[in-house]
C-alpha atoms as a PDB file:
ATOM      1  CA  MET A   1      99.725  85.350  96.254  1.00  0.00           C
ATOM      2  CA  HIS A   2     103.164  86.612  96.214  1.00  0.00           C
ATOM      3  CA  PRO A   3     103.342  90.137  97.783  1.00  0.00           C
ATOM      4  CA  HIS A   4     107.088  89.656  98.473  1.00  0.00           C
ATOM      5  CA  LEU A   5     109.000  88.879  94.987  1.00  0.00           C
ATOM      6  CA  ILE A   6     112.395  88.194  96.572  1.00  0.00           C
ATOM      7  CA  GLY A   7     112.974  88.992 100.701  1.00  0.00           C
ATOM      8  CA  PRO A   8     111.800  92.060 101.553  1.00  0.00           C
ATOM      9  CA  ILE A   9     111.251  93.188  97.788  1.00  0.00           C
ATOM     10  CA  LYS A  10     107.553  93.583  97.254  1.00  0.00           C
ATOM     11  CA  SER A  11     106.038  92.729  93.865  1.00  0.00           C
ATOM     12  CA  PHE A  12     104.368  95.676  93.578  1.00  0.00           C
ATOM     13  CA  GLY A  13     107.053  98.056  94.268  1.00  0.00           C
ATOM     14  CA  PHE A  14     109.464  95.838  91.829  1.00  0.00           C
ATOM     15  CA  LEU A  15     106.844  96.326  88.957  1.00  0.00           C
ATOM     16  CA  LEU A  16     106.311  99.726  89.754  1.00  0.00           C
ATOM     17  CA  ALA A  17     109.908 100.654  89.620  1.00  0.00           C
ATOM     18  CA  LEU A  18     110.218  98.566  86.425  1.00  0.00           C
ATOM     19  CA  SER A  19     107.306 100.313  84.886  1.00  0.00           C
ATOM     20  CA  PHE A  20     109.214 103.763  85.396  1.00  0.00           C
ATOM     21  CA  ILE A  21     112.436 102.422  83.998  1.00  0.00           C
ATOM     22  CA  VAL A  22     111.066 100.976  80.890  1.00  0.00           C
ATOM     23  CA  GLY A  23     108.750 104.062  80.404  1.00  0.00           C
ATOM     24  CA  ILE A  24     111.721 106.421  80.701  1.00  0.00           C
ATOM     25  CA  LEU A  25     113.791 104.570  78.230  1.00  0.00           C
ATOM     26  CA  LEU A  26     111.004 104.447  75.626  1.00  0.00           C
ATOM     27  CA  THR A  27     109.997 108.014  76.126  1.00  0.00           C
ATOM     28  CA  ILE A  28     113.454 109.046  75.337  1.00  0.00           C
ATOM     29  CA  ARG A  29     113.564 107.141  72.364  1.00  0.00           C
ATOM     30  CA  ARG A  30     110.060 108.436  71.229  1.00  0.00           C
ATOM     31  CA  GLY A  31     110.877 112.183  72.367  1.00  0.00           C
ATOM     32  CA  ARG A  32     114.002 112.015  70.003  1.00  0.00           C
ATOM     33  CA  GLU A  33     111.724 110.882  67.014  1.00  0.00           C
ATOM     34  CA  ARG A  34     109.842 113.973  67.925  1.00  0.00           C
ATOM     35  CA  GLY A  35     112.583 116.497  68.208  1.00  0.00           C
ATOM     36  CA  ILE A  36     112.486 116.819  71.876  1.00  0.00           C
ATOM     37  CA  ASP A  37     115.962 116.827  73.455  1.00  0.00           C
ATOM     38  CA  ARG A  38     116.753 113.995  75.890  1.00  0.00           C
ATOM     39  CA  ASP A  39     117.354 116.380  78.703  1.00  0.00           C
ATOM     40  CA  SER A  40     113.933 117.646  78.565  1.00  0.00           C
ATOM     41  CA  ILE A  41     112.442 114.090  78.437  1.00  0.00           C
ATOM     42  CA  VAL A  42     114.378 112.791  81.563  1.00  0.00           C
ATOM     43  CA  ASP A  43     113.557 115.952  83.230  1.00  0.00           C
ATOM     44  CA  ALA A  44     109.737 115.476  82.167  1.00  0.00           C
ATOM     45  CA  SER A  45     109.670 111.650  83.377  1.00  0.00           C
ATOM     46  CA  PHE A  46     110.872 112.675  86.781  1.00  0.00           C
ATOM     47  CA  THR A  47     108.321 115.133  86.994  1.00  0.00           C
ATOM     48  CA  VAL A  48     105.891 112.494  86.386  1.00  0.00           C
ATOM     49  CA  LEU A  49     107.369 110.286  88.739  1.00  0.00           C
ATOM     50  CA  VAL A  50     106.979 112.533  91.741  1.00  0.00           C
ATOM     51  CA  SER A  51     103.687 114.014  90.672  1.00  0.00           C
ATOM     52  CA  SER A  52     102.158 110.475  90.249  1.00  0.00           C
ATOM     53  CA  LEU A  53     103.432 109.174  93.495  1.00  0.00           C
ATOM     54  CA  ILE A  54     102.146 112.421  95.337  1.00  0.00           C
ATOM     55  CA  GLY A  55      98.818 111.841  93.371  1.00  0.00           C
ATOM     56  CA  VAL A  56      97.857 108.190  93.943  1.00  0.00           C
ATOM     57  CA  ARG A  57      98.295 108.817  97.718  1.00  0.00           C
ATOM     58  CA  LEU A  58      96.387 112.270  97.891  1.00  0.00           C
ATOM     59  CA  PHE A  59      93.530 111.146  95.698  1.00  0.00           C
ATOM     60  CA  PHE A  60      93.242 108.448  98.054  1.00  0.00           C
ATOM     61  CA  ILE A  61      93.264 110.480 100.890  1.00  0.00           C
ATOM     62  CA  LEU A  62      90.738 112.726  99.620  1.00  0.00           C
ATOM     63  CA  THR A  63      88.291 109.876  98.834  1.00  0.00           C
ATOM     64  CA  HIS A  64      88.814 108.300 102.202  1.00  0.00           C
ATOM     65  CA  LEU A  65      89.281 111.096 104.793  1.00  0.00           C
ATOM     66  CA  ASP A  66      86.498 109.512 107.185  1.00  0.00           C
ATOM     67  CA  THR A  67      89.054 106.178 107.342  1.00  0.00           C
ATOM     68  CA  PHE A  68      91.826 108.426 109.276  1.00  0.00           C
ATOM     69  CA  ASP A  69      91.184 108.941 112.825  1.00  0.00           C
ATOM     70  CA  PRO A  70      92.953 111.022 114.159  1.00  0.00           C
ATOM     71  CA  TRP A  71      93.519 113.132 110.995  1.00  0.00           C
ATOM     72  CA  TRP A  72      97.241 113.135 111.250  1.00  0.00           C
ATOM     73  CA  GLU A  73      97.360 109.392 110.058  1.00  0.00           C
ATOM     74  CA  ILE A  74      96.919 110.618 106.399  1.00  0.00           C
ATOM     75  CA  PHE A  75     100.802 110.977 106.803  1.00  0.00           C
ATOM     76  CA  MET A  76     101.212 107.139 107.682  1.00  0.00           C
ATOM     77  CA  ILE A  77     101.899 106.058 103.924  1.00  0.00           C
ATOM     78  CA  TRP A  78     101.888 102.603 105.424  1.00  0.00           C
ATOM     79  CA  ARG A  79      98.187 103.088 106.198  1.00  0.00           C
ATOM     80  CA  GLY A  80      95.349 102.941 103.825  1.00  0.00           C
ATOM     81  CA  GLY A  81      96.393 102.624  99.797  1.00  0.00           C
ATOM     82  CA  LEU A  82      96.985 104.468  96.351  1.00  0.00           C
ATOM     83  CA  THR A  83      94.477 105.358  93.544  1.00  0.00           C
ATOM     84  CA  LEU A  84      95.733 105.258  90.137  1.00  0.00           C
ATOM     85  CA  TYR A  85      93.673 107.902  88.977  1.00  0.00           C
ATOM     86  CA  GLY A  86      95.299 110.307  91.175  1.00  0.00           C
ATOM     87  CA  GLY A  87      98.605 109.678  89.672  1.00  0.00           C
ATOM     88  CA  ILE A  88      97.398 109.952  86.154  1.00  0.00           C
ATOM     89  CA  LEU A  89      95.569 113.186  86.903  1.00  0.00           C
ATOM     90  CA  GLY A  90      98.504 114.600  88.935  1.00  0.00           C
ATOM     91  CA  ALA A  91     100.909 113.709  86.234  1.00  0.00           C
ATOM     92  CA  ILE A  92      98.918 115.478  83.351  1.00  0.00           C
ATOM     93  CA  VAL A  93      98.717 118.688  85.242  1.00  0.00           C
ATOM     94  CA  ALA A  94     102.651 118.242  86.212  1.00  0.00           C
ATOM     95  CA  VAL A  95     103.528 117.805  82.583  1.00  0.00           C
ATOM     96  CA  PHE A  96     101.583 120.783  81.568  1.00  0.00           C
ATOM     97  CA  TRP A  97     102.991 122.874  84.059  1.00  0.00           C
ATOM     98  CA  PHE A  98     106.278 121.435  83.204  1.00  0.00           C
ATOM     99  CA  CYS A  99     106.003 122.359  79.224  1.00  0.00           C
ATOM    100  CA  ARG A 100     104.793 125.808  79.955  1.00  0.00           C
ATOM    101  CA  ARG A 101     108.092 126.589  82.074  1.00  0.00           C
ATOM    102  CA  ARG A 102     110.041 125.014  79.413  1.00  0.00           C
ATOM    103  CA  GLY A 103     108.400 126.447  76.506  1.00  0.00           C
ATOM    104  CA  LEU A 104     107.513 123.267  75.149  1.00  0.00           C
ATOM    105  CA  ARG A 105     104.240 122.021  73.386  1.00  0.00           C
ATOM    106  CA  PHE A 106     102.179 120.176  76.022  1.00  0.00           C
ATOM    107  CA  LEU A 107     100.412 118.097  73.524  1.00  0.00           C
ATOM    108  CA  THR A 108     103.546 116.919  71.559  1.00  0.00           C
ATOM    109  CA  MET A 109     105.099 116.043  75.224  1.00  0.00           C
ATOM    110  CA  ALA A 110     101.710 114.348  75.976  1.00  0.00           C
ATOM    111  CA  ASP A 111     101.796 112.020  72.782  1.00  0.00           C
ATOM    112  CA  VAL A 112     105.184 110.932  73.337  1.00  0.00           C
ATOM    113  CA  MET A 113     104.469 109.937  77.011  1.00  0.00           C
ATOM    114  CA  ALA A 114     100.959 108.677  77.087  1.00  0.00           C
ATOM    115  CA  PRO A 115     101.858 105.105  75.605  1.00  0.00           C
ATOM    116  CA  GLN A 116     104.178 104.365  78.338  1.00  0.00           C
ATOM    117  CA  VAL A 117     101.562 105.234  80.988  1.00  0.00           C
ATOM    118  CA  VAL A 118      99.279 102.409  79.749  1.00  0.00           C
ATOM    119  CA  LEU A 119     102.177 100.104  79.389  1.00  0.00           C
ATOM    120  CA  GLY A 120     103.078 100.869  83.049  1.00  0.00           C
ATOM    121  CA  ILE A 121      99.512 100.196  83.927  1.00  0.00           C
ATOM    122  CA  GLY A 122      99.702  96.877  82.434  1.00  0.00           C
ATOM    123  CA  LEU A 123     102.831  95.779  84.443  1.00  0.00           C
ATOM    124  CA  THR A 124     101.861  97.426  87.841  1.00  0.00           C
ATOM    125  CA  ARG A 125      98.500  95.743  87.885  1.00  0.00           C
ATOM    126  CA  ILE A 126     100.200  92.487  87.792  1.00  0.00           C
ATOM    127  CA  GLY A 127     101.786  93.686  91.116  1.00  0.00           C
ATOM    128  CA  CYS A 128      98.357  94.522  92.343  1.00  0.00           C
ATOM    129  CA  PHE A 129      97.219  90.990  91.464  1.00  0.00           C
ATOM    130  CA  LEU A 130     100.258  89.488  93.437  1.00  0.00           C
ATOM    131  CA  ASN A 131      99.672  91.486  96.168  1.00  0.00           C
ATOM    132  CA  GLY A 132      95.840  90.535  96.313  1.00  0.00           C
ATOM    133  CA  CYS A 133      94.568  94.227  96.151  1.00  0.00           C
ATOM    134  CA  CYS A 134      92.049  96.013  93.587  1.00  0.00           C
ATOM    135  CA  PHE A 135      90.144  92.854  93.280  1.00  0.00           C
ATOM    136  CA  GLY A 136      86.587  91.871  91.971  1.00  0.00           C
ATOM    137  CA  PHE A 137      83.327  90.593  92.709  1.00  0.00           C
ATOM    138  CA  PRO A 138      82.595  86.738  93.240  1.00  0.00           C
ATOM    139  CA  THR A 139      82.208  84.775  90.053  1.00  0.00           C
ATOM    140  CA  GLU A 140      81.676  81.469  88.834  1.00  0.00           C
ATOM    141  CA  SER A 141      83.684  81.401  85.709  1.00  0.00           C
ATOM    142  CA  SER A 142      86.512  78.945  85.045  1.00  0.00           C
ATOM    143  CA  TRP A 143      88.944  81.847  85.587  1.00  0.00           C
ATOM    144  CA  GLY A 144      87.980  82.966  88.917  1.00  0.00           C
ATOM    145  CA  VAL A 145      90.646  83.235  91.685  1.00  0.00           C
ATOM    146  CA  VAL A 146      90.835  82.170  95.337  1.00  0.00           C
ATOM    147  CA  PHE A 147      92.923  84.593  97.304  1.00  0.00           C
ATOM    148  CA  PRO A 148      94.813  83.732 100.554  1.00  0.00           C
ATOM    149  CA  ALA A 149      93.246  85.111 103.599  1.00  0.00           C
ATOM    150  CA  SER A 150      96.697  86.758 104.249  1.00  0.00           C
ATOM    151  CA  CYS A 151      95.472  89.693 101.653  1.00  0.00           C
ATOM    152  CA  GLN A 152      92.583  91.967 101.509  1.00  0.00           C
ATOM    153  CA  ALA A 153      90.846  90.085  98.701  1.00  0.00           C
ATOM    154  CA  GLY A 154      91.055  86.683 100.824  1.00  0.00           C
ATOM    155  CA  SER A 155      90.073  88.689 104.100  1.00  0.00           C
ATOM    156  CA  ILE A 156      86.818  89.604 102.496  1.00  0.00           C
ATOM    157  CA  TYR A 157      85.740  86.905 100.439  1.00  0.00           C
ATOM    158  CA  GLY A 158      87.432  84.115 101.920  1.00  0.00           C
ATOM    159  CA  ALA A 159      87.404  80.862  99.981  1.00  0.00           C
ATOM    160  CA  THR A 160      85.027  82.298  97.292  1.00  0.00           C
ATOM    161  CA  ALA A 161      86.197  82.672  93.672  1.00  0.00           C
ATOM    162  CA  ILE A 162      86.540  86.122  92.536  1.00  0.00           C
ATOM    163  CA  HIS A 163      87.149  88.147  89.399  1.00  0.00           C
ATOM    164  CA  PRO A 164      90.859  88.823  88.758  1.00  0.00           C
ATOM    165  CA  THR A 165      90.214  92.560  87.747  1.00  0.00           C
ATOM    166  CA  GLN A 166      93.817  93.239  88.417  1.00  0.00           C
ATOM    167  CA  LEU A 167      94.578  91.038  85.380  1.00  0.00           C
ATOM    168  CA  TYR A 168      91.839  92.494  83.264  1.00  0.00           C
ATOM    169  CA  SER A 169      93.081  95.803  83.999  1.00  0.00           C
ATOM    170  CA  SER A 170      96.707  94.753  82.958  1.00  0.00           C
ATOM    171  CA  LEU A 171      95.369  93.073  79.782  1.00  0.00           C
ATOM    172  CA  GLY A 172      93.491  96.582  79.186  1.00  0.00           C
ATOM    173  CA  GLY A 173      96.520  98.477  79.678  1.00  0.00           C
ATOM    174  CA  PHE A 174      98.827  96.263  77.267  1.00  0.00           C
ATOM    175  CA  LEU A 175      95.777  96.275  74.695  1.00  0.00           C
ATOM    176  CA  VAL A 176      95.396 100.156  74.685  1.00  0.00           C
ATOM    177  CA  TRP A 177      99.284 100.486  74.479  1.00  0.00           C
ATOM    178  CA  GLY A 178      99.168  98.243  71.224  1.00  0.00           C
ATOM    179  CA  LEU A 179      96.193 100.131  69.948  1.00  0.00           C
ATOM    180  CA  LEU A 180      98.049 103.527  70.469  1.00  0.00           C
ATOM    181  CA  MET A 181     101.193 102.676  68.800  1.00  0.00           C
ATOM    182  CA  PHE A 182      99.249 100.830  65.780  1.00  0.00           C
ATOM    183  CA  TRP A 183      97.150 103.894  65.303  1.00  0.00           C
ATOM    184  CA  GLU A 184     100.091 106.200  65.612  1.00  0.00           C
ATOM    185  CA  ARG A 185     101.557 104.867  62.423  1.00  0.00           C
ATOM    186  CA  PHE A 186      98.317 106.112  60.409  1.00  0.00           C
ATOM    187  CA  ASP A 187      97.801 109.189  62.329  1.00  0.00           C
ATOM    188  CA  ASP A 188     100.553 111.157  64.055  1.00  0.00           C
ATOM    189  CA  ARG A 189      98.885 114.481  64.055  1.00  0.00           C
ATOM    190  CA  GLU A 190      99.751 116.521  67.276  1.00  0.00           C
ATOM    191  CA  GLY A 191      97.329 115.476  70.244  1.00  0.00           C
ATOM    192  CA  GLY A 192      96.247 112.575  68.306  1.00  0.00           C
ATOM    193  CA  THR A 193      97.990 109.680  70.556  1.00  0.00           C
ATOM    194  CA  PHE A 194      97.125 111.730  73.625  1.00  0.00           C
ATOM    195  CA  GLY A 195      93.504 111.988  72.655  1.00  0.00           C
ATOM    196  CA  ARG A 196      92.981 108.223  72.022  1.00  0.00           C
ATOM    197  CA  PHE A 197      94.748 107.444  75.170  1.00  0.00           C
ATOM    198  CA  LEU A 198      92.288 109.443  77.347  1.00  0.00           C
ATOM    199  CA  ILE A 199      89.387 107.704  75.324  1.00  0.00           C
ATOM    200  CA  LEU A 200      90.776 104.204  75.217  1.00  0.00           C
ATOM    201  CA  TYR A 201      92.028 104.078  78.828  1.00  0.00           C
ATOM    202  CA  GLY A 202      88.717 105.789  80.203  1.00  0.00           C
ATOM    203  CA  LEU A 203      86.767 103.044  78.452  1.00  0.00           C
ATOM    204  CA  ALA A 204      89.045 100.270  79.594  1.00  0.00           C
ATOM    205  CA  ARG A 205      88.878 101.435  83.237  1.00  0.00           C
ATOM    206  CA  ALA A 206      85.112 101.758  83.137  1.00  0.00           C
ATOM    207  CA  VAL A 207      84.771  98.444  81.857  1.00  0.00           C
ATOM    208  CA  ALA A 208      87.166  96.652  84.397  1.00  0.00           C
ATOM    209  CA  ASP A 209      85.150  98.491  87.245  1.00  0.00           C
ATOM    210  CA  LEU A 210      81.942  96.822  86.208  1.00  0.00           C
ATOM    211  CA  PHE A 211      83.870  93.738  87.840  1.00  0.00           C
ATOM    212  CA  ARG A 212      85.679  95.389  90.750  1.00  0.00           C
ATOM    213  CA  TRP A 213      84.812  95.212  94.483  1.00  0.00           C
ATOM    214  CA  TYR A 214      84.718  98.924  96.147  1.00  0.00           C
ATOM    215  CA  GLU A 215      83.791 100.142  99.499  1.00  0.00           C
ATOM    216  CA  PRO A 216      80.318 101.438  99.588  1.00  0.00           C
ATOM    217  CA  SER A 217      81.368 105.156  99.749  1.00  0.00           C
ATOM    218  CA  ALA A 218      83.118 104.797  96.289  1.00  0.00           C
ATOM    219  CA  VAL A 219      79.842 103.903  94.619  1.00  0.00           C
ATOM    220  CA  HIS A 220      77.510 106.588  93.724  1.00  0.00           C
ATOM    221  CA  SER A 221      73.821 107.231  92.688  1.00  0.00           C
ATOM    222  CA  GLY A 222      73.096 105.137  89.644  1.00  0.00           C
ATOM    223  CA  GLY A 223      75.737 102.425  90.473  1.00  0.00           C
ATOM    224  CA  LEU A 224      78.691 104.453  88.991  1.00  0.00           C
ATOM    225  CA  THR A 225      82.081 104.178  90.902  1.00  0.00           C
ATOM    226  CA  THR A 226      84.326 107.355  91.368  1.00  0.00           C
ATOM    227  CA  SER A 227      86.690 105.863  88.954  1.00  0.00           C
ATOM    228  CA  GLN A 228      83.756 105.364  86.218  1.00  0.00           C
ATOM    229  CA  LEU A 229      82.831 108.884  86.654  1.00  0.00           C
ATOM    230  CA  ILE A 230      86.389 110.086  86.165  1.00  0.00           C
ATOM    231  CA  SER A 231      86.550 107.765  82.973  1.00  0.00           C
ATOM    232  CA  ILE A 232      83.481 109.538  81.657  1.00  0.00           C
ATOM    233  CA  VAL A 233      85.384 113.091  81.868  1.00  0.00           C
ATOM    234  CA  LEU A 234      88.484 111.534  80.442  1.00  0.00           C
ATOM    235  CA  VAL A 235      86.503 110.191  77.303  1.00  0.00           C
ATOM    236  CA  LEU A 236      85.082 113.680  76.963  1.00  0.00           C
ATOM    237  CA  ALA A 237      88.440 115.294  77.399  1.00  0.00           C
ATOM    238  CA  GLY A 238      89.924 112.867  74.869  1.00  0.00           C
ATOM    239  CA  ALA A 239      87.101 113.404  72.307  1.00  0.00           C
ATOM    240  CA  ALA A 240      87.865 117.364  72.666  1.00  0.00           C
ATOM    241  CA  VAL A 241      91.482 116.945  72.251  1.00  0.00           C
ATOM    242  CA  LEU A 242      91.086 114.849  69.008  1.00  0.00           C
ATOM    243  CA  LEU A 243      88.585 117.394  67.601  1.00  0.00           C
ATOM    244  CA  TRP A 244      90.844 120.280  68.395  1.00  0.00           C
ATOM    245  CA  SER A 245      93.653 118.011  66.437  1.00  0.00           C
ATOM    246  CA  ARG A 246      91.702 117.537  63.406  1.00  0.00           C
ATOM    247  CA  ARG A 247      90.403 121.386  63.235  1.00  0.00           C
ATOM    248  CA  ARG A 248      93.619 122.449  63.739  1.00  0.00           C
ATOM    249  CA  VAL A 249      95.115 120.276  60.666  1.00  0.00           C
ATOM    250  CA  HIS A 250      92.320 121.492  58.604  1.00  0.00           C
ATOM    251  CA  ALA A 251      92.680 124.962  59.446  1.00  0.00           C
ATOM    252  CA  GLY A 252      96.651 124.705  58.544  1.00  0.00           C
END
């Protein structure tokens, strides 16, 4: 794989930065279309940037507490990893707080920002593939990938071909983004895009996890992973948002 894109520049870091830059530019344009001023969009985007970076690390720490010994190693950001759902949940909470303080409608802002989230996931998961993390189980399929021993996937499975679940997740992100943008043309009710984002991404993540390797501690009774349990909550929350949106339109 190629964990370093050019010299010291890491592939994952580059694609993560690219996803934020593209996301902010698209969010400014989408916000303008819905009557949200540029400054509010930029401030909200940086709120998402900070909260998601904190969230991805904090969620990993909370779900891997037994791996940090002594405990202060949790502050060594080069140890351990990141958990995407922590960033998404952190960003949702932060945007809700931001909108309350600015007097903005949360669901309108969430509708504006949601498509860029999955577009960013599509980009950053390519970085995961190049880095050799977030990998899958062994497979005999023709698209199985053998990772070098220098990365986590290769150190665990060696010369065995495994599912490139990073690319599954990337494809899922791009697909959900396309569906959100297409569906919005026919249904632009407040909360509609955000609700569909919660449902579609929750489903996409749950399916990708069927092929992904996890530490035993991340797999619960019934074979569900922590991420799949969160996916179920997201799908239910998305359904609730859509139901609220429809009732609000009918009531109006």
